[in-house]
Amino acid sequence: MVRDNHRRGKNRGNWNSRNSSSNGENSNSNNYQNGSNSFNKNSKQEKNRLSFAQRTVTSAEIQKQAEAIRAFKTAVVKCAICGEQINDMASAINNREDGSPVHFDCVLKQLSEQAKPGPNEKVTYIGNGKFAVLHFENVHDMRHFSIVKEIEWEARDSERGEWRNTMASLYSQVK
């Protein structure tokens, strides 16, 4: 059986045939010799290489960053609601009154006590700093529910807490 190399179209050769010219040389080297824009020093690739070289981080900067993270982790922060230490700052949420960090579970418990959900209802976090009282028609089927009441804990236009900005700047890989 003879295989038809052109059965899928003229641009569908094997991976090696696409970048080679008719005389067997690499087409990129031909472009470079002809002064093509793809290897011009003013090309985007060259600019990206330069900006990457400028973004290199020294070992002193890495060590300074590691020390700042250690200091942040060892700082003792107490929850304004229960008074206990917050061990996992990533799961903390802003306090309504002063913006200090509080346990997420403390907020959930406080809102459950205030909202007094009825039978087949539950207080749940729905995102963007909001909680909601959900009503489930069937207690065993958590997929079907209706929102009875929305509770805005963190205002949408409010500033993020300073503790969050500090944590984000320390752990962010983007500088």
Protein backbone atom coordinates (compact mmCIF):
# COMPACT_ATOMS: atom_id res chain seq x y z
CA MET A 1 0.00 0.00 0.00
CA VAL A 2 1.36 3.40 -0.98
CA ARG A 3 0.85 6.16 1.52
CA ASP A 4 -0.38 9.47 0.18
CA ASN A 5 1.62 12.20 1.98
CA HIS A 6 -0.68 14.93 0.70
CA ARG A 7 -3.98 13.45 1.83
CA ARG A 8 -4.37 15.97 4.68
CA GLY A 9 -3.36 19.06 2.73
CA LYS A 10 -0.09 20.51 1.58
CA ASN A 11 0.83 22.06 4.97
CA ARG A 12 0.47 18.82 6.91
CA GLY A 13 3.89 17.22 6.66
CA ASN A 14 5.71 15.67 9.58
CA TRP A 15 7.10 17.85 12.34
CA ASN A 16 10.58 17.94 10.84
CA SER A 17 9.57 19.02 7.35
CA ARG A 18 7.87 22.25 8.32
CA ASN A 19 10.93 24.21 9.41
CA SER A 20 13.43 22.95 6.87
CA SER A 21 14.09 24.53 3.52
CA SER A 22 14.52 22.66 0.27
CA ASN A 23 18.31 22.46 0.60
CA GLY A 24 18.14 20.91 4.07
CA GLU A 25 19.11 23.99 6.07
CA ASN A 26 16.98 25.37 8.83
CA SER A 27 14.65 28.09 7.57
CA ASN A 28 15.33 30.15 10.70
CA SER A 29 19.00 30.42 9.78
CA ASN A 30 17.98 31.53 6.29
CA ASN A 31 15.74 34.19 7.78
CA TYR A 32 18.57 35.38 9.99
CA GLN A 33 20.95 35.66 7.03
CA ASN A 34 18.35 37.48 4.96
CA GLY A 35 17.79 40.04 7.73
CA SER A 36 14.26 38.95 8.50
CA ASN A 37 12.44 40.72 11.31
CA SER A 38 12.04 37.50 13.29
CA PHE A 39 15.67 37.75 14.50
CA ASN A 40 16.06 41.50 14.47
CA LYS A 41 17.52 42.91 17.69
CA ASN A 42 14.53 45.18 18.02
CA SER A 43 12.09 42.27 17.97
CA LYS A 44 9.77 41.44 20.86
CA GLN A 45 11.78 38.33 21.71
CA GLU A 46 14.91 40.39 22.31
CA LYS A 47 12.99 42.89 24.42
CA ASN A 48 11.55 40.06 26.50
CA ARG A 49 15.01 38.64 27.06
CA LEU A 50 16.27 42.01 28.25
CA SER A 51 13.34 42.55 30.58
CA PHE A 52 13.77 39.02 31.96
CA ALA A 53 17.44 39.74 32.64
CA GLN A 54 16.45 42.91 34.44
CA ARG A 55 14.00 40.97 36.62
CA THR A 56 16.65 38.70 38.13
CA VAL A 57 16.58 38.57 41.91
CA THR A 58 19.70 38.52 44.04
CA SER A 59 20.21 36.08 46.88
CA ALA A 60 20.14 38.99 49.36
CA GLU A 61 16.66 39.95 48.16
CA ILE A 62 15.48 36.34 48.45
CA GLN A 63 16.83 36.11 51.99
CA LYS A 64 15.23 39.45 52.94
CA GLN A 65 11.89 38.21 51.56
CA ALA A 66 12.20 34.92 53.50
CA GLU A 67 12.90 36.83 56.73
CA ALA A 68 9.86 39.06 56.16
CA ILE A 69 7.66 35.98 55.63
CA ARG A 70 9.04 34.38 58.81
CA ALA A 71 8.31 37.58 60.77
CA PHE A 72 4.78 37.70 59.37
CA LYS A 73 4.15 34.05 60.26
CA THR A 74 5.51 34.42 63.81
CA ALA A 75 3.45 37.53 64.60
CA VAL A 76 0.72 36.72 67.11
CA VAL A 77 -2.64 37.97 65.84
CA LYS A 78 -5.72 37.51 68.00
CA CYS A 79 -9.28 37.18 66.72
CA ALA A 80 -11.45 40.12 67.78
CA ILE A 81 -14.48 37.85 68.22
CA CYS A 82 -13.15 34.91 70.26
CA GLY A 83 -9.80 36.30 71.47
CA GLU A 84 -7.82 33.24 70.35
CA GLN A 85 -4.73 33.29 68.15
CA ILE A 86 -5.24 33.11 64.37
CA ASN A 87 -2.90 30.39 63.09
CA ASP A 88 -3.92 30.45 59.43
CA MET A 89 -4.05 34.05 58.22
CA ALA A 90 -4.99 32.93 54.70
CA SER A 91 -8.38 31.75 55.98
CA ALA A 92 -9.06 34.88 58.06
CA ILE A 93 -11.60 37.52 57.06
CA ASN A 94 -11.88 41.24 57.86
CA ASN A 95 -13.83 42.28 60.94
CA ARG A 96 -16.81 44.50 60.14
CA GLU A 97 -16.00 47.17 62.71
CA ASP A 98 -12.27 47.79 62.43
CA GLY A 99 -10.96 45.64 59.54
CA SER A 100 -8.78 43.50 61.77
CA PRO A 101 -8.47 39.79 60.96
CA VAL A 102 -10.95 37.38 62.55
CA HIS A 103 -11.52 33.64 62.23
CA PHE A 104 -13.80 32.72 59.35
CA ASP A 105 -15.52 30.16 61.58
CA CYS A 106 -16.14 32.82 64.27
CA VAL A 107 -17.88 35.03 61.70
CA LEU A 108 -19.94 32.09 60.47
CA LYS A 109 -20.95 31.19 64.04
CA GLN A 110 -21.81 34.81 64.89
CA LEU A 111 -23.95 35.22 61.77
CA SER A 112 -25.71 31.90 62.44
CA GLU A 113 -26.62 33.13 65.93
CA GLN A 114 -27.85 36.49 64.59
CA ALA A 115 -29.79 35.18 61.58
CA LYS A 116 -31.37 32.28 63.47
CA PRO A 117 -31.86 30.00 60.44
CA GLY A 118 -35.04 27.94 60.49
CA PRO A 119 -35.50 24.29 59.63
CA ASN A 120 -33.82 23.30 56.34
CA GLU A 121 -31.82 26.58 56.39
CA LYS A 122 -28.14 27.21 56.77
CA VAL A 123 -25.79 30.23 56.79
CA THR A 124 -23.15 29.87 54.08
CA TYR A 125 -20.40 31.97 52.52
CA ILE A 126 -21.29 32.82 48.90
CA GLY A 127 -18.20 34.84 47.94
CA ASN A 128 -17.18 38.49 47.56
CA GLY A 129 -17.39 39.06 51.31
CA LYS A 130 -21.04 37.97 51.44
CA PHE A 131 -22.83 35.31 53.42
CA ALA A 132 -26.36 34.07 52.81
CA VAL A 133 -29.09 32.15 54.53
CA LEU A 134 -29.91 29.26 52.21
CA HIS A 135 -33.11 27.24 52.27
CA PHE A 136 -32.87 23.61 51.16
CA GLU A 137 -36.06 21.91 50.01
CA ASN A 138 -34.54 18.53 50.75
CA VAL A 139 -31.98 18.39 53.56
CA HIS A 140 -30.18 15.48 51.92
CA ASP A 141 -29.87 17.26 48.53
CA MET A 142 -27.49 20.19 48.93
CA ARG A 143 -27.58 21.01 45.19
CA HIS A 144 -31.04 22.55 45.16
CA PHE A 145 -31.47 25.62 47.34
CA SER A 146 -32.84 29.14 47.34
CA ILE A 147 -31.29 32.23 48.89
CA VAL A 148 -33.51 33.55 51.67
CA LYS A 149 -31.32 36.45 52.80
CA GLU A 150 -27.95 37.93 51.79
CA ILE A 151 -25.65 39.27 54.49
CA GLU A 152 -22.89 41.61 53.35
CA TRP A 153 -19.95 41.18 55.72
CA GLU A 154 -17.22 43.00 53.79
CA ALA A 155 -18.48 45.96 51.78
CA ARG A 156 -17.59 45.71 48.13
CA ASP A 157 -16.16 49.24 47.95
CA SER A 158 -14.27 48.98 51.26
CA GLU A 159 -10.50 48.89 51.47
CA ARG A 160 -8.78 45.59 51.96
CA GLY A 161 -7.25 45.22 55.39
CA GLU A 162 -3.62 46.26 55.75
CA TRP A 163 -2.84 42.74 56.99
CA ARG A 164 -4.13 41.34 53.68
CA ASN A 165 -2.00 43.73 51.63
CA THR A 166 1.06 42.76 53.66
CA MET A 167 0.37 39.05 53.20
CA ALA A 168 -0.28 39.44 49.46
CA SER A 169 2.91 41.43 48.89
CA LEU A 170 5.01 38.91 50.80
CA TYR A 171 3.73 35.80 49.05
CA SER A 172 3.23 37.20 45.54
CA GLN A 173 5.66 35.91 42.93
CA VAL A 174 4.89 38.82 40.62
CA LYS A 175 6.97 41.92 41.28
